[in-house]
Amino acid sequence: MTQVLYPRRATRAVRVGSVTIGGGHPIVVQSMITEETRNVEAAVEQIIAMHRAGSEIVRVTTPNMAEAQCLAEINARLRARYQEVPLVADVHHQGSEIAVEVTKYVHKVRINPGLFVFRKRVAREVEYSQSEIDEELEAIEEALLPVIRACKERGVAMRIGVNHGSLAERLTVMYGDTPEGMVESAMEYLRICERHGFRDIVISLKASRVPVMLAANRLMVQRMEAEGMDYPLHLGVTEAGDGPYARVKSTAGIATLLAEGIGDTIRVSLSEDPVNELPVCYDILQALGLR
C-alpha cells in the first residue's frame, strides 16, 4: 500500500448497521437507489444489485410518510431473499415526523438543514435581527429533538447533509452564497445534537462546484476542531452529470480531500445507473492507497 501524504483526520466511529464510518476504519463506499421507495420490489432488486457491486451502505429516498412506511416491507424482503443491508433514509421538506418514522427501519437518517424546517424563501436584503435568528433556531430544535430521541432510542445514526444549493434563506442573507454559510448550517444542527447528548453523526457539505465543496469541507474541519468536535465526513460532489467529465469532476473533489486526510465515506453521484458510481469510488480509493 502506498504512503498517503497526510495522515487521516482522527474522527469518532459511527456505526451504520454492520458498517462503521470513521474511527480509523476503511473509507466506506456508498450510493443511492434511483427507484422510488414505494416501488418496493424494484427498490429491493436495486438495493441488492448495488450492495453486490460494492455499495457498503445504500440510501433510499422517503419524501412522504407512505414511502417511509414502505421501508418495513423492503427490509423484510431483503432479509428473506438476500441479507440485511445498511440503509439510509433521505428525508426532505418539513421532515421531522417522517424522520422519526424511518428510524424504525433504517440504520441512518439523512436530513438536509436547508429543507428540514422549510420556510418559503422571501427575497430580503435586510439583516436578520437576533430575535429572528433565535426564533428560527428554536424552531429547528423543536423539530429536531423528536428525531434525536428516536435515533438514541433505536441506535440509529444521523447524517447532517448540507447542500450548497439549498441553504436556508437566513444563512444566505447572513453569510452570502459561501462555504461559510454551509458550515454554519451544519454547526447549528451539531450544537443542538450535542446539547441533547447525541453524537452518532456524520456530516456532509456538498456543492456542484468543486472549489466550493473543497473550501466548505476544509473550513468544516477547522470549525469542528475549534469546538472540540470529531465527526466523520461524507464526501461528494452534487450534480456531477454523466460520462467522463462527471467522473473527473467527482474525483477532483473527493480525491483532493482524501489526499489531505479528510473524509471517511464517499459517494460519486452520476446521472447514470447508480451501479456505475461504484467502480469510480474504488478507483479513487485504490489510487490513493486507501483500500
C-alpha atoms as a PDB file:
ATOM      1  CA  MET A   1       0.000   0.000   0.000  1.00  0.00           C
ATOM      2  CA  THR A   2       1.321   3.455  -0.898  1.00  0.00           C
ATOM      3  CA  GLN A   3       2.018   6.016   1.795  1.00  0.00           C
ATOM      4  CA  VAL A   4      -0.515   8.844   1.864  1.00  0.00           C
ATOM      5  CA  LEU A   5       0.825  12.390   2.075  1.00  0.00           C
ATOM      6  CA  TYR A   6      -1.252  13.360   5.104  1.00  0.00           C
ATOM      7  CA  PRO A   7      -2.414  11.153   7.979  1.00  0.00           C
ATOM      8  CA  ARG A   8      -6.162  10.692   8.132  1.00  0.00           C
ATOM      9  CA  ARG A   9      -8.028  13.071  10.366  1.00  0.00           C
ATOM     10  CA  ALA A  10      -8.961  11.401  13.647  1.00  0.00           C
ATOM     11  CA  THR A  11     -12.736  11.028  13.912  1.00  0.00           C
ATOM     12  CA  ARG A  12     -15.251   9.273  16.129  1.00  0.00           C
ATOM     13  CA  ALA A  13     -16.610   5.917  14.976  1.00  0.00           C
ATOM     14  CA  VAL A  14     -20.245   5.972  13.853  1.00  0.00           C
ATOM     15  CA  ARG A  15     -21.994   2.640  13.406  1.00  0.00           C
ATOM     16  CA  VAL A  16     -24.381   2.230  10.459  1.00  0.00           C
ATOM     17  CA  GLY A  17     -25.735  -1.295  10.658  1.00  0.00           C
ATOM     18  CA  SER A  18     -22.825  -3.672  10.075  1.00  0.00           C
ATOM     19  CA  VAL A  19     -20.573  -0.868   8.780  1.00  0.00           C
ATOM     20  CA  THR A  20     -18.547   1.659  10.763  1.00  0.00           C
ATOM     21  CA  ILE A  21     -17.768   5.132   9.433  1.00  0.00           C
ATOM     22  CA  GLY A  22     -14.747   6.937  10.870  1.00  0.00           C
ATOM     23  CA  GLY A  23     -12.693   5.917  13.873  1.00  0.00           C
ATOM     24  CA  GLY A  24      -9.833   4.792  11.635  1.00  0.00           C
ATOM     25  CA  HIS A  25     -11.968   2.266   9.751  1.00  0.00           C
ATOM     26  CA  PRO A  26     -11.544   1.927   5.970  1.00  0.00           C
ATOM     27  CA  ILE A  27     -13.210   4.602   3.839  1.00  0.00           C
ATOM     28  CA  VAL A  28     -16.800   3.442   3.262  1.00  0.00           C
ATOM     29  CA  VAL A  29     -18.306   3.430  -0.244  1.00  0.00           C
ATOM     30  CA  GLN A  30     -21.987   4.205  -0.634  1.00  0.00           C
ATOM     31  CA  SER A  31     -24.583   5.095  -3.238  1.00  0.00           C
ATOM     32  CA  MET A  32     -28.306   5.787  -3.641  1.00  0.00           C
ATOM     33  CA  ILE A  33     -31.045   3.936  -5.480  1.00  0.00           C
ATOM     34  CA  THR A  34     -32.917   5.670  -8.292  1.00  0.00           C
ATOM     35  CA  GLU A  35     -36.084   3.614  -7.842  1.00  0.00           C
ATOM     36  CA  GLU A  36     -38.884   5.172  -5.820  1.00  0.00           C
ATOM     37  CA  THR A  37     -39.183   3.584  -2.394  1.00  0.00           C
ATOM     38  CA  ARG A  38     -42.891   2.934  -2.936  1.00  0.00           C
ATOM     39  CA  ASN A  39     -41.972   0.560  -5.781  1.00  0.00           C
ATOM     40  CA  VAL A  40     -40.944  -1.989  -3.200  1.00  0.00           C
ATOM     41  CA  GLU A  41     -39.901  -4.870  -5.445  1.00  0.00           C
ATOM     42  CA  ALA A  42     -37.899  -2.667  -7.805  1.00  0.00           C
ATOM     43  CA  ALA A  43     -36.261  -0.947  -4.836  1.00  0.00           C
ATOM     44  CA  VAL A  44     -35.278  -4.277  -3.294  1.00  0.00           C
ATOM     45  CA  GLU A  45     -33.771  -5.507  -6.558  1.00  0.00           C
ATOM     46  CA  GLN A  46     -31.737  -2.337  -6.974  1.00  0.00           C
ATOM     47  CA  ILE A  47     -30.517  -2.376  -3.370  1.00  0.00           C
ATOM     48  CA  ILE A  48     -29.314  -5.958  -3.798  1.00  0.00           C
ATOM     49  CA  ALA A  49     -27.596  -5.161  -7.101  1.00  0.00           C
ATOM     50  CA  MET A  50     -25.832  -2.154  -5.630  1.00  0.00           C
ATOM     51  CA  HIS A  51     -24.740  -3.943  -2.470  1.00  0.00           C
ATOM     52  CA  ARG A  52     -23.341  -6.814  -4.516  1.00  0.00           C
ATOM     53  CA  ALA A  53     -21.487  -4.306  -6.701  1.00  0.00           C
ATOM     54  CA  GLY A  54     -19.777  -2.779  -3.669  1.00  0.00           C
ATOM     55  CA  SER A  55     -22.107  -0.176  -2.155  1.00  0.00           C
ATOM     56  CA  GLU A  56     -21.497  -0.877   1.513  1.00  0.00           C
ATOM     57  CA  ILE A  57     -24.311   1.488   2.516  1.00  0.00           C
ATOM     58  CA  VAL A  58     -27.362   2.150   0.333  1.00  0.00           C
ATOM     59  CA  ARG A  59     -29.514   5.266   0.542  1.00  0.00           C
ATOM     60  CA  VAL A  60     -33.203   5.446  -0.309  1.00  0.00           C
ATOM     61  CA  THR A  61     -35.482   8.466  -0.550  1.00  0.00           C
ATOM     62  CA  THR A  62     -38.514   8.985   1.686  1.00  0.00           C
ATOM     63  CA  PRO A  63     -40.278  12.190   0.615  1.00  0.00           C
ATOM     64  CA  ASN A  64     -43.510  11.302   2.418  1.00  0.00           C
ATOM     65  CA  MET A  65     -44.887   9.076   5.171  1.00  0.00           C
ATOM     66  CA  ALA A  66     -46.258   6.452   2.779  1.00  0.00           C
ATOM     67  CA  GLU A  67     -42.823   5.855   1.276  1.00  0.00           C
ATOM     68  CA  ALA A  68     -41.227   5.844   4.715  1.00  0.00           C
ATOM     69  CA  GLN A  69     -43.555   3.041   5.781  1.00  0.00           C
ATOM     70  CA  CYS A  70     -42.611   1.023   2.684  1.00  0.00           C
ATOM     71  CA  LEU A  71     -39.214   0.511   4.306  1.00  0.00           C
ATOM     72  CA  ALA A  72     -40.675  -2.153   6.590  1.00  0.00           C
ATOM     73  CA  GLU A  73     -41.521  -4.368   3.620  1.00  0.00           C
ATOM     74  CA  ILE A  74     -38.243  -3.552   1.867  1.00  0.00           C
ATOM     75  CA  ASN A  75     -36.307  -4.703   4.930  1.00  0.00           C
ATOM     76  CA  ALA A  76     -38.388  -7.866   5.239  1.00  0.00           C
ATOM     77  CA  ARG A  77     -37.763  -8.823   1.615  1.00  0.00           C
ATOM     78  CA  LEU A  78     -34.048  -8.062   1.856  1.00  0.00           C
ATOM     79  CA  ARG A  79     -33.670 -10.338   4.871  1.00  0.00           C
ATOM     80  CA  ALA A  80     -35.769 -13.106   3.321  1.00  0.00           C
ATOM     81  CA  ARG A  81     -34.130 -13.048  -0.100  1.00  0.00           C
ATOM     82  CA  TYR A  82     -30.622 -11.701   0.479  1.00  0.00           C
ATOM     83  CA  GLN A  83     -29.348 -10.270   3.775  1.00  0.00           C
ATOM     84  CA  GLU A  84     -29.626  -7.174   5.920  1.00  0.00           C
ATOM     85  CA  VAL A  85     -28.142  -4.175   4.108  1.00  0.00           C
ATOM     86  CA  PRO A  86     -27.106  -0.960   5.902  1.00  0.00           C
ATOM     87  CA  LEU A  87     -29.764   1.521   4.776  1.00  0.00           C
ATOM     88  CA  VAL A  88     -30.010   5.302   4.958  1.00  0.00           C
ATOM     89  CA  ALA A  89     -33.300   7.158   4.506  1.00  0.00           C
ATOM     90  CA  ASP A  90     -33.209  10.587   2.885  1.00  0.00           C
ATOM     91  CA  VAL A  91     -35.763  12.929   4.476  1.00  0.00           C
ATOM     92  CA  HIS A  92     -36.974  16.060   2.710  1.00  0.00           C
ATOM     93  CA  HIS A  93     -39.152  19.139   3.454  1.00  0.00           C
ATOM     94  CA  GLN A  94     -40.665  19.506   6.927  1.00  0.00           C
ATOM     95  CA  GLY A  95     -39.303  16.074   7.688  1.00  0.00           C
ATOM     96  CA  SER A  96     -39.483  15.680  11.468  1.00  0.00           C
ATOM     97  CA  GLU A  97     -42.338  13.151  11.609  1.00  0.00           C
ATOM     98  CA  ILE A  98     -41.007  11.225   8.619  1.00  0.00           C
ATOM     99  CA  ALA A  99     -37.520  11.131  10.130  1.00  0.00           C
ATOM    100  CA  VAL A 100     -38.898   9.679  13.358  1.00  0.00           C
ATOM    101  CA  GLU A 101     -40.814   7.051  11.364  1.00  0.00           C
ATOM    102  CA  VAL A 102     -37.811   5.904   9.307  1.00  0.00           C
ATOM    103  CA  THR A 103     -35.733   5.295  12.433  1.00  0.00           C
ATOM    104  CA  LYS A 104     -37.879   2.173  12.893  1.00  0.00           C
ATOM    105  CA  TYR A 105     -36.493   0.649   9.707  1.00  0.00           C
ATOM    106  CA  VAL A 106     -33.075   2.069   8.738  1.00  0.00           C
ATOM    107  CA  HIS A 107     -29.613   2.404  10.227  1.00  0.00           C
ATOM    108  CA  LYS A 108     -29.119   6.091   9.454  1.00  0.00           C
ATOM    109  CA  VAL A 109     -31.351   9.042   8.651  1.00  0.00           C
ATOM    110  CA  ARG A 110     -30.151  11.884   6.454  1.00  0.00           C
ATOM    111  CA  ILE A 111     -31.585  15.351   6.941  1.00  0.00           C
ATOM    112  CA  ASN A 112     -30.867  18.488   4.925  1.00  0.00           C
ATOM    113  CA  PRO A 113     -30.738  21.540   7.214  1.00  0.00           C
ATOM    114  CA  GLY A 114     -31.897  23.772   4.379  1.00  0.00           C
ATOM    115  CA  LEU A 115     -35.125  21.812   3.970  1.00  0.00           C
ATOM    116  CA  PHE A 116     -35.777  20.152   7.326  1.00  0.00           C
ATOM    117  CA  VAL A 117     -37.545  23.178   8.809  1.00  0.00           C
ATOM    118  CA  PHE A 118     -38.526  24.646   5.471  1.00  0.00           C
ATOM    119  CA  ARG A 119     -39.667  28.224   5.173  1.00  0.00           C
ATOM    120  CA  LYS A 120     -40.665  29.677   1.828  1.00  0.00           C
ATOM    121  CA  ARG A 121     -37.916  31.892   0.511  1.00  0.00           C
ATOM    122  CA  VAL A 122     -38.715  35.576   0.644  1.00  0.00           C
ATOM    123  CA  ALA A 123     -36.088  37.735  -1.002  1.00  0.00           C
ATOM    124  CA  ARG A 124     -34.708  40.189   1.518  1.00  0.00           C
ATOM    125  CA  GLU A 125     -31.600  42.270   1.890  1.00  0.00           C
ATOM    126  CA  VAL A 126     -32.175  43.428   5.461  1.00  0.00           C
ATOM    127  CA  GLU A 127     -30.144  41.554   8.045  1.00  0.00           C
ATOM    128  CA  TYR A 128     -31.963  39.211  10.400  1.00  0.00           C
ATOM    129  CA  SER A 129     -32.418  40.530  13.913  1.00  0.00           C
ATOM    130  CA  GLN A 130     -31.171  38.484  16.844  1.00  0.00           C
ATOM    131  CA  SER A 131     -34.764  37.750  17.835  1.00  0.00           C
ATOM    132  CA  GLU A 132     -35.479  36.399  14.335  1.00  0.00           C
ATOM    133  CA  ILE A 133     -32.363  34.243  14.471  1.00  0.00           C
ATOM    134  CA  ASP A 134     -33.309  32.923  17.902  1.00  0.00           C
ATOM    135  CA  GLU A 135     -36.831  32.167  16.689  1.00  0.00           C
ATOM    136  CA  GLU A 136     -35.536  30.092  13.776  1.00  0.00           C
ATOM    137  CA  LEU A 137     -33.053  28.222  15.957  1.00  0.00           C
ATOM    138  CA  GLU A 138     -35.823  27.400  18.423  1.00  0.00           C
ATOM    139  CA  ALA A 139     -37.968  26.069  15.567  1.00  0.00           C
ATOM    140  CA  ILE A 140     -35.077  23.898  14.385  1.00  0.00           C
ATOM    141  CA  GLU A 141     -34.512  22.498  17.871  1.00  0.00           C
ATOM    142  CA  GLU A 142     -38.217  21.804  18.329  1.00  0.00           C
ATOM    143  CA  ALA A 143     -38.342  19.838  15.060  1.00  0.00           C
ATOM    144  CA  LEU A 144     -35.024  18.061  15.569  1.00  0.00           C
ATOM    145  CA  LEU A 145     -35.492  16.941  19.172  1.00  0.00           C
ATOM    146  CA  PRO A 146     -38.009  14.123  18.410  1.00  0.00           C
ATOM    147  CA  VAL A 147     -35.603  12.789  15.779  1.00  0.00           C
ATOM    148  CA  ILE A 148     -32.686  12.888  18.206  1.00  0.00           C
ATOM    149  CA  ARG A 149     -34.730  10.981  20.777  1.00  0.00           C
ATOM    150  CA  ALA A 150     -35.796   8.355  18.234  1.00  0.00           C
ATOM    151  CA  CYS A 151     -32.231   7.892  16.984  1.00  0.00           C
ATOM    152  CA  LYS A 152     -30.890   7.493  20.517  1.00  0.00           C
ATOM    153  CA  GLU A 153     -33.639   5.054  21.465  1.00  0.00           C
ATOM    154  CA  ARG A 154     -33.189   2.868  18.366  1.00  0.00           C
ATOM    155  CA  GLY A 155     -29.428   3.125  17.862  1.00  0.00           C
ATOM    156  CA  VAL A 156     -29.765   4.942  14.552  1.00  0.00           C
ATOM    157  CA  ALA A 157     -27.128   7.326  13.201  1.00  0.00           C
ATOM    158  CA  MET A 158     -27.803  10.685  11.557  1.00  0.00           C
ATOM    159  CA  ARG A 159     -26.218  12.439   8.609  1.00  0.00           C
ATOM    160  CA  ILE A 160     -26.484  16.195   8.631  1.00  0.00           C
ATOM    161  CA  GLY A 161     -26.240  16.712   4.890  1.00  0.00           C
ATOM    162  CA  VAL A 162     -25.806  20.314   3.766  1.00  0.00           C
ATOM    163  CA  ASN A 163     -26.228  21.177   0.091  1.00  0.00           C
ATOM    164  CA  HIS A 164     -24.847  24.434  -1.274  1.00  0.00           C
ATOM    165  CA  GLY A 165     -27.905  24.830  -3.487  1.00  0.00           C
ATOM    166  CA  SER A 166     -30.458  24.629  -0.675  1.00  0.00           C
ATOM    167  CA  LEU A 167     -29.156  26.774   2.159  1.00  0.00           C
ATOM    168  CA  ALA A 168     -31.765  28.415   4.364  1.00  0.00           C
ATOM    169  CA  GLU A 169     -32.592  31.983   3.361  1.00  0.00           C
ATOM    170  CA  ARG A 170     -31.425  33.258   6.748  1.00  0.00           C
ATOM    171  CA  LEU A 171     -27.935  31.852   6.240  1.00  0.00           C
ATOM    172  CA  THR A 172     -27.735  33.155   2.690  1.00  0.00           C
ATOM    173  CA  VAL A 173     -28.556  36.649   3.954  1.00  0.00           C
ATOM    174  CA  MET A 174     -26.086  36.363   6.839  1.00  0.00           C
ATOM    175  CA  TYR A 175     -23.155  34.741   5.029  1.00  0.00           C
ATOM    176  CA  GLY A 176     -23.883  35.067   1.333  1.00  0.00           C
ATOM    177  CA  ASP A 177     -23.628  32.199  -1.122  1.00  0.00           C
ATOM    178  CA  THR A 178     -20.469  30.916   0.558  1.00  0.00           C
ATOM    179  CA  PRO A 179     -18.793  27.919   2.192  1.00  0.00           C
ATOM    180  CA  GLU A 180     -19.134  29.791   5.496  1.00  0.00           C
ATOM    181  CA  GLY A 181     -22.911  29.575   5.226  1.00  0.00           C
ATOM    182  CA  MET A 182     -22.709  25.847   4.541  1.00  0.00           C
ATOM    183  CA  VAL A 183     -20.515  25.272   7.568  1.00  0.00           C
ATOM    184  CA  GLU A 184     -22.695  27.332   9.890  1.00  0.00           C
ATOM    185  CA  SER A 185     -25.748  25.409   8.664  1.00  0.00           C
ATOM    186  CA  ALA A 186     -24.143  22.156   9.801  1.00  0.00           C
ATOM    187  CA  MET A 187     -22.799  23.633  13.031  1.00  0.00           C
ATOM    188  CA  GLU A 188     -26.239  24.852  14.117  1.00  0.00           C
ATOM    189  CA  TYR A 189     -27.564  21.297  13.933  1.00  0.00           C
ATOM    190  CA  LEU A 190     -24.465  19.808  15.540  1.00  0.00           C
ATOM    191  CA  ARG A 191     -24.716  22.143  18.511  1.00  0.00           C
ATOM    192  CA  ILE A 192     -28.337  21.152  19.064  1.00  0.00           C
ATOM    193  CA  CYS A 193     -27.482  17.448  18.852  1.00  0.00           C
ATOM    194  CA  GLU A 194     -24.592  17.821  21.288  1.00  0.00           C
ATOM    195  CA  ARG A 195     -26.742  19.790  23.692  1.00  0.00           C
ATOM    196  CA  HIS A 196     -29.047  16.772  23.857  1.00  0.00           C
ATOM    197  CA  GLY A 197     -26.255  14.216  24.152  1.00  0.00           C
ATOM    198  CA  PHE A 198     -26.482  12.760  20.643  1.00  0.00           C
ATOM    199  CA  ARG A 199     -23.208  12.222  18.772  1.00  0.00           C
ATOM    200  CA  ASP A 200     -23.759   9.349  16.318  1.00  0.00           C
ATOM    201  CA  ILE A 201     -23.471  11.814  13.471  1.00  0.00           C
ATOM    202  CA  VAL A 202     -21.834  12.056  10.050  1.00  0.00           C
ATOM    203  CA  ILE A 203     -21.522  15.406   8.257  1.00  0.00           C
ATOM    204  CA  SER A 204     -21.596  16.206   4.553  1.00  0.00           C
ATOM    205  CA  LEU A 205     -21.162  19.516   2.754  1.00  0.00           C
ATOM    206  CA  LYS A 206     -21.802  19.081  -0.953  1.00  0.00           C
ATOM    207  CA  ALA A 207     -21.763  21.502  -3.866  1.00  0.00           C
ATOM    208  CA  SER A 208     -21.836  21.241  -7.636  1.00  0.00           C
ATOM    209  CA  ARG A 209     -18.748  23.460  -7.880  1.00  0.00           C
ATOM    210  CA  VAL A 210     -15.620  21.630  -6.784  1.00  0.00           C
ATOM    211  CA  PRO A 211     -13.830  24.669  -5.275  1.00  0.00           C
ATOM    212  CA  VAL A 212     -16.866  25.387  -3.079  1.00  0.00           C
ATOM    213  CA  MET A 213     -17.048  21.765  -1.934  1.00  0.00           C
ATOM    214  CA  LEU A 214     -13.327  21.767  -1.102  1.00  0.00           C
ATOM    215  CA  ALA A 215     -13.453  25.055   0.797  1.00  0.00           C
ATOM    216  CA  ALA A 216     -16.545  24.040   2.772  1.00  0.00           C
ATOM    217  CA  ASN A 217     -15.084  20.739   3.949  1.00  0.00           C
ATOM    218  CA  ARG A 218     -11.741  22.257   4.890  1.00  0.00           C
ATOM    219  CA  LEU A 219     -13.473  25.018   6.830  1.00  0.00           C
ATOM    220  CA  MET A 220     -15.758  22.466   8.499  1.00  0.00           C
ATOM    221  CA  VAL A 221     -12.739  20.574   9.795  1.00  0.00           C
ATOM    222  CA  GLN A 222     -11.281  23.789  11.219  1.00  0.00           C
ATOM    223  CA  ARG A 223     -14.571  24.781  12.824  1.00  0.00           C
ATOM    224  CA  MET A 224     -15.118  21.369  14.393  1.00  0.00           C
ATOM    225  CA  GLU A 225     -11.589  21.326  15.770  1.00  0.00           C
ATOM    226  CA  ALA A 226     -12.146  24.767  17.284  1.00  0.00           C
ATOM    227  CA  GLU A 227     -15.251  23.480  19.085  1.00  0.00           C
ATOM    228  CA  GLY A 228     -13.774  20.124  20.122  1.00  0.00           C
ATOM    229  CA  MET A 229     -15.803  18.043  17.652  1.00  0.00           C
ATOM    230  CA  ASP A 230     -14.558  14.981  15.769  1.00  0.00           C
ATOM    231  CA  TYR A 231     -17.431  13.956  13.493  1.00  0.00           C
ATOM    232  CA  PRO A 232     -16.648  11.954  10.348  1.00  0.00           C
ATOM    233  CA  LEU A 233     -17.199  13.488   6.920  1.00  0.00           C
ATOM    234  CA  HIS A 234     -19.103  12.103   3.939  1.00  0.00           C
ATOM    235  CA  LEU A 235     -17.615  13.449   0.688  1.00  0.00           C
ATOM    236  CA  GLY A 236     -19.321  14.046  -2.645  1.00  0.00           C
ATOM    237  CA  VAL A 237     -19.918  16.499  -5.486  1.00  0.00           C
ATOM    238  CA  THR A 238     -23.556  17.123  -6.434  1.00  0.00           C
ATOM    239  CA  GLU A 239     -24.949  17.290  -9.967  1.00  0.00           C
ATOM    240  CA  ALA A 240     -21.768  15.907 -11.491  1.00  0.00           C
ATOM    241  CA  GLY A 241     -23.634  14.645 -14.566  1.00  0.00           C
ATOM    242  CA  ASP A 242     -22.600  11.619 -16.592  1.00  0.00           C
ATOM    243  CA  GLY A 243     -19.772  10.340 -18.735  1.00  0.00           C
ATOM    244  CA  PRO A 244     -16.041  11.020 -18.372  1.00  0.00           C
ATOM    245  CA  TYR A 245     -16.382  14.653 -17.265  1.00  0.00           C
ATOM    246  CA  ALA A 246     -18.637  13.720 -14.345  1.00  0.00           C
ATOM    247  CA  ARG A 247     -16.097  11.165 -13.184  1.00  0.00           C
ATOM    248  CA  VAL A 248     -13.260  13.681 -13.394  1.00  0.00           C
ATOM    249  CA  LYS A 249     -15.316  16.313 -11.568  1.00  0.00           C
ATOM    250  CA  SER A 250     -16.184  13.978  -8.703  1.00  0.00           C
ATOM    251  CA  THR A 251     -12.622  12.719  -8.482  1.00  0.00           C
ATOM    252  CA  ALA A 252     -11.255  16.266  -8.347  1.00  0.00           C
ATOM    253  CA  GLY A 253     -13.298  16.986  -5.236  1.00  0.00           C
ATOM    254  CA  ILE A 254     -13.249  13.674  -3.415  1.00  0.00           C
ATOM    255  CA  ALA A 255      -9.647  12.647  -4.088  1.00  0.00           C
ATOM    256  CA  THR A 256      -8.221  16.055  -3.199  1.00  0.00           C
ATOM    257  CA  LEU A 257      -9.724  15.941   0.285  1.00  0.00           C
ATOM    258  CA  LEU A 258      -8.900  12.284   0.846  1.00  0.00           C
ATOM    259  CA  ALA A 259      -5.273  13.012  -0.062  1.00  0.00           C
ATOM    260  CA  GLU A 260      -5.300  15.653   2.680  1.00  0.00           C
ATOM    261  CA  GLY A 261      -6.566  13.109   5.205  1.00  0.00           C
ATOM    262  CA  ILE A 262     -10.134  14.447   5.155  1.00  0.00           C
ATOM    263  CA  GLY A 263     -13.102  12.129   4.623  1.00  0.00           C
ATOM    264  CA  ASP A 264     -14.476   8.872   5.993  1.00  0.00           C
ATOM    265  CA  THR A 265     -17.107   7.809   3.455  1.00  0.00           C
ATOM    266  CA  ILE A 266     -17.647   8.739  -0.197  1.00  0.00           C
ATOM    267  CA  ARG A 267     -20.247   8.759  -2.925  1.00  0.00           C
ATOM    268  CA  VAL A 268     -19.698   9.581  -6.593  1.00  0.00           C
ATOM    269  CA  SER A 269     -23.004  10.999  -7.900  1.00  0.00           C
ATOM    270  CA  LEU A 270     -23.680  10.203 -11.562  1.00  0.00           C
ATOM    271  CA  SER A 271     -26.854  10.660 -13.588  1.00  0.00           C
ATOM    272  CA  GLU A 272     -26.475   7.065 -14.760  1.00  0.00           C
ATOM    273  CA  ASP A 273     -27.252   3.642 -13.352  1.00  0.00           C
ATOM    274  CA  PRO A 274     -26.015   4.039  -9.759  1.00  0.00           C
ATOM    275  CA  VAL A 275     -24.054   0.799 -10.063  1.00  0.00           C
ATOM    276  CA  ASN A 276     -21.740   2.756 -12.377  1.00  0.00           C
ATOM    277  CA  GLU A 277     -20.763   5.008  -9.481  1.00  0.00           C
ATOM    278  CA  LEU A 278     -19.104   2.238  -7.532  1.00  0.00           C
ATOM    279  CA  PRO A 279     -16.054   1.449  -9.710  1.00  0.00           C
ATOM    280  CA  VAL A 280     -15.184   5.154  -9.680  1.00  0.00           C
ATOM    281  CA  CYS A 281     -15.251   5.184  -5.869  1.00  0.00           C
ATOM    282  CA  TYR A 282     -12.984   2.172  -5.615  1.00  0.00           C
ATOM    283  CA  ASP A 283     -10.620   3.527  -8.286  1.00  0.00           C
ATOM    284  CA  ILE A 284     -10.235   6.742  -6.277  1.00  0.00           C
ATOM    285  CA  LEU A 285      -9.509   4.816  -3.087  1.00  0.00           C
ATOM    286  CA  GLN A 286      -7.096   2.452  -4.808  1.00  0.00           C
ATOM    287  CA  ALA A 287      -5.221   5.334  -6.451  1.00  0.00           C
ATOM    288  CA  LEU A 288      -4.716   6.896  -3.021  1.00  0.00           C
ATOM    289  CA  GLY A 289      -3.772   3.636  -1.335  1.00  0.00           C
ATOM    290  CA  LEU A 290      -6.823   3.799   0.922  1.00  0.00           C
ATOM    291  CA  ARG A 291      -8.493   0.483   0.017  1.00  0.00           C
END
